[in-house]
Amino acid sequence: MIPKQPTYRDRLQPWHLIRHLPNCQRLTVARFARRPDAESYLNALRHLMPAVPHTIVFVNALSVLEENSVPIPMQLSIES
């Protein structure tokens, strides 16, 4: 992954809803500006797909990236 400067969209929507995939991979399902919106969407997904694990992640896009750094999302615990 090539590091890049955070875009305006990245700064507007820091809450990401992640679907866990095999082999430690992940897929960003949706992005939100507010955490309550992400939690509501997560609840809807849990009703539609109860067997698929999802997590809400806050991605700090405001930090300035160095040339050789890779952004690491801060994972927050969500009660199941």
PDB file of N, CA and C in Angstrom:
ATOM      1  N   MET A   1       0.840  -1.166   0.000  1.00  0.00           N
ATOM      2  CA  MET A   1       0.000   0.000   0.000  1.00  0.00           C
ATOM      3  C   MET A   1       0.892   1.239   0.000  1.00  0.00           C
ATOM      4  N   ILE A   2       0.614   2.141  -0.872  1.00  0.00           N
ATOM      5  CA  ILE A   2       1.394   3.364  -0.981  1.00  0.00           C
ATOM      6  C   ILE A   2       0.742   4.432  -0.116  1.00  0.00           C
ATOM      7  N   PRO A   3       1.488   4.999   0.828  1.00  0.00           N
ATOM      8  CA  PRO A   3       0.906   6.051   1.670  1.00  0.00           C
ATOM      9  C   PRO A   3       0.555   7.277   0.843  1.00  0.00           C
ATOM     10  N   LYS A   4      -0.488   7.971   1.253  1.00  0.00           N
ATOM     11  CA  LYS A   4      -0.915   9.170   0.537  1.00  0.00           C
ATOM     12  C   LYS A   4      -1.389  10.190   1.553  1.00  0.00           C
ATOM     13  N   GLN A   5      -1.454  11.408   1.118  1.00  0.00           N
ATOM     14  CA  GLN A   5      -1.997  12.458   1.968  1.00  0.00           C
ATOM     15  C   GLN A   5      -3.493  12.221   2.132  1.00  0.00           C
ATOM     16  N   PRO A   6      -4.036  12.433   3.331  1.00  0.00           N
ATOM     17  CA  PRO A   6      -5.473  12.259   3.508  1.00  0.00           C
ATOM     18  C   PRO A   6      -6.254  13.270   2.675  1.00  0.00           C
ATOM     19  N   THR A   7      -7.296  12.798   2.023  1.00  0.00           N
ATOM     20  CA  THR A   7      -8.119  13.669   1.205  1.00  0.00           C
ATOM     21  C   THR A   7      -9.177  14.345   2.083  1.00  0.00           C
ATOM     22  N   TYR A   8      -9.880  15.269   1.497  1.00  0.00           N
ATOM     23  CA  TYR A   8     -10.947  15.961   2.206  1.00  0.00           C
ATOM     24  C   TYR A   8     -12.022  14.969   2.635  1.00  0.00           C
ATOM     25  N   ARG A   9     -12.328  14.005   1.786  1.00  0.00           N
ATOM     26  CA  ARG A   9     -13.324  12.978   2.104  1.00  0.00           C
ATOM     27  C   ARG A   9     -12.871  12.122   3.283  1.00  0.00           C
ATOM     28  N   ASP A  10     -11.568  11.810   3.340  1.00  0.00           N
ATOM     29  CA  ASP A  10     -11.040  11.034   4.455  1.00  0.00           C
ATOM     30  C   ASP A  10     -11.234  11.772   5.773  1.00  0.00           C
ATOM     31  N   ARG A  11     -11.058  13.065   5.756  1.00  0.00           N
ATOM     32  CA  ARG A  11     -11.216  13.848   6.978  1.00  0.00           C
ATOM     33  C   ARG A  11     -12.687  13.988   7.367  1.00  0.00           C
ATOM     34  N   LEU A  12     -13.594  13.963   6.395  1.00  0.00           N
ATOM     35  CA  LEU A  12     -15.021  14.109   6.689  1.00  0.00           C
ATOM     36  C   LEU A  12     -15.645  12.831   7.234  1.00  0.00           C
ATOM     37  N   GLN A  13     -15.126  11.683   6.837  1.00  0.00           N
ATOM     38  CA  GLN A  13     -15.726  10.405   7.216  1.00  0.00           C
ATOM     39  C   GLN A  13     -14.688   9.494   7.873  1.00  0.00           C
ATOM     40  N   PRO A  14     -14.383   9.732   9.159  1.00  0.00           N
ATOM     41  CA  PRO A  14     -13.348   8.939   9.800  1.00  0.00           C
ATOM     42  C   PRO A  14     -13.827   7.590  10.340  1.00  0.00           C
ATOM     43  N   TRP A  15     -15.138   7.382  10.448  1.00  0.00           N
ATOM     44  CA  TRP A  15     -15.661   6.119  10.980  1.00  0.00           C
ATOM     45  C   TRP A  15     -15.891   5.148   9.834  1.00  0.00           C
ATOM     46  N   HIS A  16     -15.198   4.007   9.871  1.00  0.00           N
ATOM     47  CA  HIS A  16     -15.306   3.007   8.810  1.00  0.00           C
ATOM     48  C   HIS A  16     -15.946   1.749   9.378  1.00  0.00           C
ATOM     49  N   LEU A  17     -16.807   1.133   8.583  1.00  0.00           N
ATOM     50  CA  LEU A  17     -17.389  -0.157   8.927  1.00  0.00           C
ATOM     51  C   LEU A  17     -16.637  -1.205   8.124  1.00  0.00           C
ATOM     52  N   ILE A  18     -15.972  -2.117   8.824  1.00  0.00           N
ATOM     53  CA  ILE A  18     -15.074  -3.081   8.211  1.00  0.00           C
ATOM     54  C   ILE A  18     -15.684  -4.472   8.260  1.00  0.00           C
ATOM     55  N   ARG A  19     -15.611  -5.215   7.143  1.00  0.00           N
ATOM     56  CA  ARG A  19     -15.985  -6.635   7.105  1.00  0.00           C
ATOM     57  C   ARG A  19     -14.698  -7.441   7.114  1.00  0.00           C
ATOM     58  N   HIS A  20     -14.610  -8.383   8.041  1.00  0.00           N
ATOM     59  CA  HIS A  20     -13.422  -9.220   8.153  1.00  0.00           C
ATOM     60  C   HIS A  20     -13.485 -10.347   7.122  1.00  0.00           C
ATOM     61  N   LEU A  21     -12.386 -10.525   6.404  1.00  0.00           N
ATOM     62  CA  LEU A  21     -12.267 -11.547   5.381  1.00  0.00           C
ATOM     63  C   LEU A  21     -11.206 -12.568   5.793  1.00  0.00           C
ATOM     64  N   PRO A  22     -11.126 -13.708   5.112  1.00  0.00           N
ATOM     65  CA  PRO A  22     -10.082 -14.692   5.446  1.00  0.00           C
ATOM     66  C   PRO A  22      -8.678 -14.130   5.211  1.00  0.00           C
ATOM     67  N   ASN A  23      -7.695 -14.765   5.816  1.00  0.00           N
ATOM     68  CA  ASN A  23      -6.279 -14.411   5.678  1.00  0.00           C
ATOM     69  C   ASN A  23      -5.979 -12.996   6.164  1.00  0.00           C
ATOM     70  N   CYS A  24      -6.602 -12.599   7.257  1.00  0.00           N
ATOM     71  CA  CYS A  24      -6.367 -11.291   7.893  1.00  0.00           C
ATOM     72  C   CYS A  24      -6.611 -10.120   6.943  1.00  0.00           C
ATOM     73  N   GLN A  25      -7.504 -10.279   6.012  1.00  0.00           N
ATOM     74  CA  GLN A  25      -7.861  -9.189   5.116  1.00  0.00           C
ATOM     75  C   GLN A  25      -9.129  -8.525   5.626  1.00  0.00           C
ATOM     76  N   ARG A  26      -9.377  -7.314   5.133  1.00  0.00           N
ATOM     77  CA  ARG A  26     -10.584  -6.603   5.519  1.00  0.00           C
ATOM     78  C   ARG A  26     -11.104  -5.803   4.333  1.00  0.00           C
ATOM     79  N   LEU A  27     -12.388  -5.500   4.398  1.00  0.00           N
ATOM     80  CA  LEU A  27     -13.054  -4.752   3.343  1.00  0.00           C
ATOM     81  C   LEU A  27     -13.839  -3.620   3.996  1.00  0.00           C
ATOM     82  N   THR A  28     -13.638  -2.403   3.525  1.00  0.00           N
ATOM     83  CA  THR A  28     -14.411  -1.280   4.035  1.00  0.00           C
ATOM     84  C   THR A  28     -15.783  -1.316   3.382  1.00  0.00           C
ATOM     85  N   VAL A  29     -16.799  -1.523   4.191  1.00  0.00           N
ATOM     86  CA  VAL A  29     -18.170  -1.636   3.695  1.00  0.00           C
ATOM     87  C   VAL A  29     -18.783  -0.246   3.521  1.00  0.00           C
ATOM     88  N   ALA A  30     -18.568   0.618   4.514  1.00  0.00           N
ATOM     89  CA  ALA A  30     -19.153   1.971   4.469  1.00  0.00           C
ATOM     90  C   ALA A  30     -18.314   2.899   5.331  1.00  0.00           C
ATOM     91  N   ARG A  31     -18.460   4.209   5.070  1.00  0.00           N
ATOM     92  CA  ARG A  31     -17.750   5.234   5.829  1.00  0.00           C
ATOM     93  C   ARG A  31     -18.768   6.247   6.329  1.00  0.00           C
ATOM     94  N   PHE A  32     -18.532   6.762   7.546  1.00  0.00           N
ATOM     95  CA  PHE A  32     -19.506   7.655   8.169  1.00  0.00           C
ATOM     96  C   PHE A  32     -18.810   8.830   8.829  1.00  0.00           C
ATOM     97  N   ALA A  33     -19.527   9.920   8.933  1.00  0.00           N
ATOM     98  CA  ALA A  33     -19.014  11.100   9.610  1.00  0.00           C
ATOM     99  C   ALA A  33     -19.257  11.009  11.117  1.00  0.00           C
ATOM    100  N   ARG A  34     -20.311  10.296  11.517  1.00  0.00           N
ATOM    101  CA  ARG A  34     -20.651  10.205  12.937  1.00  0.00           C
ATOM    102  C   ARG A  34     -20.716   8.751  13.379  1.00  0.00           C
ATOM    103  N   ARG A  35     -20.246   8.483  14.593  1.00  0.00           N
ATOM    104  CA  ARG A  35     -20.245   7.118  15.116  1.00  0.00           C
ATOM    105  C   ARG A  35     -21.660   6.549  15.269  1.00  0.00           C
ATOM    106  N   PRO A  36     -22.661   7.306  15.753  1.00  0.00           N
ATOM    107  CA  PRO A  36     -24.007   6.729  15.864  1.00  0.00           C
ATOM    108  C   PRO A  36     -24.562   6.230  14.524  1.00  0.00           C
ATOM    109  N   ASP A  37     -24.211   6.905  13.436  1.00  0.00           N
ATOM    110  CA  ASP A  37     -24.635   6.436  12.117  1.00  0.00           C
ATOM    111  C   ASP A  37     -23.987   5.084  11.796  1.00  0.00           C
ATOM    112  N   ALA A  38     -22.716   4.956  12.128  1.00  0.00           N
ATOM    113  CA  ALA A  38     -22.014   3.694  11.887  1.00  0.00           C
ATOM    114  C   ALA A  38     -22.599   2.571  12.737  1.00  0.00           C
ATOM    115  N   GLU A  39     -22.946   2.875  13.982  1.00  0.00           N
ATOM    116  CA  GLU A  39     -23.530   1.857  14.857  1.00  0.00           C
ATOM    117  C   GLU A  39     -24.905   1.421  14.357  1.00  0.00           C
ATOM    118  N   SER A  40     -25.706   2.344  13.858  1.00  0.00           N
ATOM    119  CA  SER A  40     -27.019   1.993  13.309  1.00  0.00           C
ATOM    120  C   SER A  40     -26.880   1.092  12.091  1.00  0.00           C
ATOM    121  N   TYR A  41     -25.934   1.416  11.231  1.00  0.00           N
ATOM    122  CA  TYR A  41     -25.696   0.600  10.039  1.00  0.00           C
ATOM    123  C   TYR A  41     -25.188  -0.780  10.440  1.00  0.00           C
ATOM    124  N   LEU A  42     -24.328  -0.832  11.461  1.00  0.00           N
ATOM    125  CA  LEU A  42     -23.814  -2.109  11.950  1.00  0.00           C
ATOM    126  C   LEU A  42     -24.945  -2.980  12.491  1.00  0.00           C
ATOM    127  N   ASN A  43     -25.877  -2.384  13.223  1.00  0.00           N
ATOM    128  CA  ASN A  43     -27.022  -3.144  13.736  1.00  0.00           C
ATOM    129  C   ASN A  43     -27.874  -3.699  12.604  1.00  0.00           C
ATOM    130  N   ALA A  44     -28.072  -2.916  11.551  1.00  0.00           N
ATOM    131  CA  ALA A  44     -28.844  -3.395  10.405  1.00  0.00           C
ATOM    132  C   ALA A  44     -28.122  -4.560   9.716  1.00  0.00           C
ATOM    133  N   LEU A  45     -26.802  -4.442   9.574  1.00  0.00           N
ATOM    134  CA  LEU A  45     -26.041  -5.530   8.950  1.00  0.00           C
ATOM    135  C   LEU A  45     -26.061  -6.797   9.795  1.00  0.00           C
ATOM    136  N   ARG A  46     -26.036  -6.637  11.109  1.00  0.00           N
ATOM    137  CA  ARG A  46     -26.085  -7.821  11.989  1.00  0.00           C
ATOM    138  C   ARG A  46     -27.418  -8.557  11.858  1.00  0.00           C
ATOM    139  N   HIS A  47     -28.503  -7.829  11.591  1.00  0.00           N
ATOM    140  CA  HIS A  47     -29.795  -8.476  11.379  1.00  0.00           C
ATOM    141  C   HIS A  47     -29.839  -9.166  10.023  1.00  0.00           C
ATOM    142  N   LEU A  48     -29.236  -8.557   9.010  1.00  0.00           N
ATOM    143  CA  LEU A  48     -29.264  -9.122   7.664  1.00  0.00           C
ATOM    144  C   LEU A  48     -28.254 -10.243   7.469  1.00  0.00           C
ATOM    145  N   MET A  49     -27.065 -10.101   8.075  1.00  0.00           N
ATOM    146  CA  MET A  49     -25.983 -11.082   7.919  1.00  0.00           C
ATOM    147  C   MET A  49     -25.379 -11.403   9.281  1.00  0.00           C
ATOM    148  N   PRO A  50     -26.056 -12.210  10.098  1.00  0.00           N
ATOM    149  CA  PRO A  50     -25.556 -12.452  11.455  1.00  0.00           C
ATOM    150  C   PRO A  50     -24.252 -13.253  11.514  1.00  0.00           C
ATOM    151  N   ALA A  51     -23.933 -14.011  10.486  1.00  0.00           N
ATOM    152  CA  ALA A  51     -22.731 -14.853  10.509  1.00  0.00           C
ATOM    153  C   ALA A  51     -21.474 -14.125  10.040  1.00  0.00           C
ATOM    154  N   VAL A  52     -21.636 -12.922   9.490  1.00  0.00           N
ATOM    155  CA  VAL A  52     -20.487 -12.189   8.946  1.00  0.00           C
ATOM    156  C   VAL A  52     -19.997 -11.182   9.991  1.00  0.00           C
ATOM    157  N   PRO A  53     -18.710 -11.272  10.388  1.00  0.00           N
ATOM    158  CA  PRO A  53     -18.206 -10.333  11.401  1.00  0.00           C
ATOM    159  C   PRO A  53     -17.900  -8.955  10.819  1.00  0.00           C
ATOM    160  N   HIS A  54     -18.347  -7.929  11.510  1.00  0.00           N
ATOM    161  CA  HIS A  54     -18.096  -6.534  11.134  1.00  0.00           C
ATOM    162  C   HIS A  54     -17.555  -5.790  12.354  1.00  0.00           C
ATOM    163  N   THR A  55     -16.801  -4.732  12.103  1.00  0.00           N
ATOM    164  CA  THR A  55     -16.233  -3.911  13.174  1.00  0.00           C
ATOM    165  C   THR A  55     -16.270  -2.447  12.755  1.00  0.00           C
ATOM    166  N   ILE A  56     -16.507  -1.576  13.731  1.00  0.00           N
ATOM    167  CA  ILE A  56     -16.418  -0.142  13.498  1.00  0.00           C
ATOM    168  C   ILE A  56     -15.011   0.303  13.868  1.00  0.00           C
ATOM    169  N   VAL A  57     -14.379   1.045  12.961  1.00  0.00           N
ATOM    170  CA  VAL A  57     -13.002   1.483  13.150  1.00  0.00           C
ATOM    171  C   VAL A  57     -12.938   2.996  12.944  1.00  0.00           C
ATOM    172  N   PHE A  58     -12.202   3.692  13.817  1.00  0.00           N
ATOM    173  CA  PHE A  58     -11.955   5.110  13.640  1.00  0.00           C
ATOM    174  C   PHE A  58     -10.589   5.262  12.993  1.00  0.00           C
ATOM    175  N   VAL A  59     -10.539   5.871  11.824  1.00  0.00           N
ATOM    176  CA  VAL A  59      -9.289   6.083  11.102  1.00  0.00           C
ATOM    177  C   VAL A  59      -8.902   7.543  11.265  1.00  0.00           C
ATOM    178  N   ASN A  60      -7.778   7.779  11.906  1.00  0.00           N
ATOM    179  CA  ASN A  60      -7.314   9.134  12.152  1.00  0.00           C
ATOM    180  C   ASN A  60      -6.628   9.660  10.904  1.00  0.00           C
ATOM    181  N   ALA A  61      -7.376  10.325  10.051  1.00  0.00           N
ATOM    182  CA  ALA A  61      -6.837  10.828   8.787  1.00  0.00           C
ATOM    183  C   ALA A  61      -6.229  12.209   8.938  1.00  0.00           C
ATOM    184  N   LEU A  62      -6.313  12.808  10.123  1.00  0.00           N
ATOM    185  CA  LEU A  62      -5.793  14.153  10.309  1.00  0.00           C
ATOM    186  C   LEU A  62      -4.291  14.183  10.539  1.00  0.00           C
ATOM    187  N   SER A  63      -3.735  13.048  10.941  1.00  0.00           N
ATOM    188  CA  SER A  63      -2.296  13.034  11.164  1.00  0.00           C
ATOM    189  C   SER A  63      -1.567  13.084   9.831  1.00  0.00           C
ATOM    190  N   VAL A  64      -0.491  13.806   9.800  1.00  0.00           N
ATOM    191  CA  VAL A  64       0.288  13.932   8.575  1.00  0.00           C
ATOM    192  C   VAL A  64       1.153  12.690   8.433  1.00  0.00           C
ATOM    193  N   LEU A  65       1.080  12.063   7.273  1.00  0.00           N
ATOM    194  CA  LEU A  65       1.818  10.837   7.035  1.00  0.00           C
ATOM    195  C   LEU A  65       3.229  11.143   6.565  1.00  0.00           C
ATOM    196  N   GLU A  66       4.174  10.394   7.095  1.00  0.00           N
ATOM    197  CA  GLU A  66       5.529  10.504   6.596  1.00  0.00           C
ATOM    198  C   GLU A  66       5.631   9.713   5.309  1.00  0.00           C
ATOM    199  N   GLU A  67       6.702   9.867   4.602  1.00  0.00           N
ATOM    200  CA  GLU A  67       6.838   9.249   3.286  1.00  0.00           C
ATOM    201  C   GLU A  67       6.826   7.727   3.358  1.00  0.00           C
ATOM    202  N   ASN A  68       7.402   7.128   4.396  1.00  0.00           N
ATOM    203  CA  ASN A  68       7.489   5.672   4.487  1.00  0.00           C
ATOM    204  C   ASN A  68       6.526   5.072   5.495  1.00  0.00           C
ATOM    205  N   SER A  69       5.569   5.829   5.979  1.00  0.00           N
ATOM    206  CA  SER A  69       4.652   5.298   6.982  1.00  0.00           C
ATOM    207  C   SER A  69       3.363   4.806   6.335  1.00  0.00           C
ATOM    208  N   VAL A  70       2.696   3.919   7.054  1.00  0.00           N
ATOM    209  CA  VAL A  70       1.415   3.377   6.611  1.00  0.00           C
ATOM    210  C   VAL A  70       0.409   3.686   7.705  1.00  0.00           C
ATOM    211  N   PRO A  71      -0.777   4.232   7.364  1.00  0.00           N
ATOM    212  CA  PRO A  71      -1.746   4.540   8.408  1.00  0.00           C
ATOM    213  C   PRO A  71      -2.269   3.262   9.054  1.00  0.00           C
ATOM    214  N   ILE A  72      -2.369   3.270  10.378  1.00  0.00           N
ATOM    215  CA  ILE A  72      -2.873   2.127  11.116  1.00  0.00           C
ATOM    216  C   ILE A  72      -4.169   2.559  11.793  1.00  0.00           C
ATOM    217  N   PRO A  73      -5.317   1.948  11.409  1.00  0.00           N
ATOM    218  CA  PRO A  73      -6.569   2.346  12.029  1.00  0.00           C
ATOM    219  C   PRO A  73      -6.614   1.908  13.488  1.00  0.00           C
ATOM    220  N   MET A  74      -7.226   2.727  14.320  1.00  0.00           N
ATOM    221  CA  MET A  74      -7.382   2.409  15.723  1.00  0.00           C
ATOM    222  C   MET A  74      -8.704   1.662  15.871  1.00  0.00           C
ATOM    223  N   GLN A  75      -8.638   0.402  16.297  1.00  0.00           N
ATOM    224  CA  GLN A  75      -9.836  -0.410  16.405  1.00  0.00           C
ATOM    225  C   GLN A  75     -10.484  -0.194  17.762  1.00  0.00           C
ATOM    226  N   LEU A  76     -11.775   0.071  17.763  1.00  0.00           N
ATOM    227  CA  LEU A  76     -12.521   0.273  18.985  1.00  0.00           C
ATOM    228  C   LEU A  76     -13.394  -0.933  19.249  1.00  0.00           C
ATOM    229  N   SER A  77     -13.541  -1.300  20.499  1.00  0.00           N
ATOM    230  CA  SER A  77     -14.334  -2.473  20.821  1.00  0.00           C
ATOM    231  C   SER A  77     -15.819  -2.130  20.737  1.00  0.00           C
ATOM    232  N   ILE A  78     -16.558  -3.033  20.116  1.00  0.00           N
ATOM    233  CA  ILE A  78     -18.015  -2.905  19.992  1.00  0.00           C
ATOM    234  C   ILE A  78     -18.621  -4.142  20.645  1.00  0.00           C
ATOM    235  N   GLU A  79     -19.525  -3.943  21.585  1.00  0.00           N
ATOM    236  CA  GLU A  79     -20.124  -5.091  22.247  1.00  0.00           C
ATOM    237  C   GLU A  79     -21.009  -5.841  21.265  1.00  0.00           C
ATOM    238  N   SER A  80     -20.913  -7.168  21.294  1.00  0.00           N
ATOM    239  CA  SER A  80     -21.655  -8.025  20.348  1.00  0.00           C
ATOM    240  C   SER A  80     -23.022  -8.364  20.870  1.00  0.00           C
TER     241      SER A  80
END
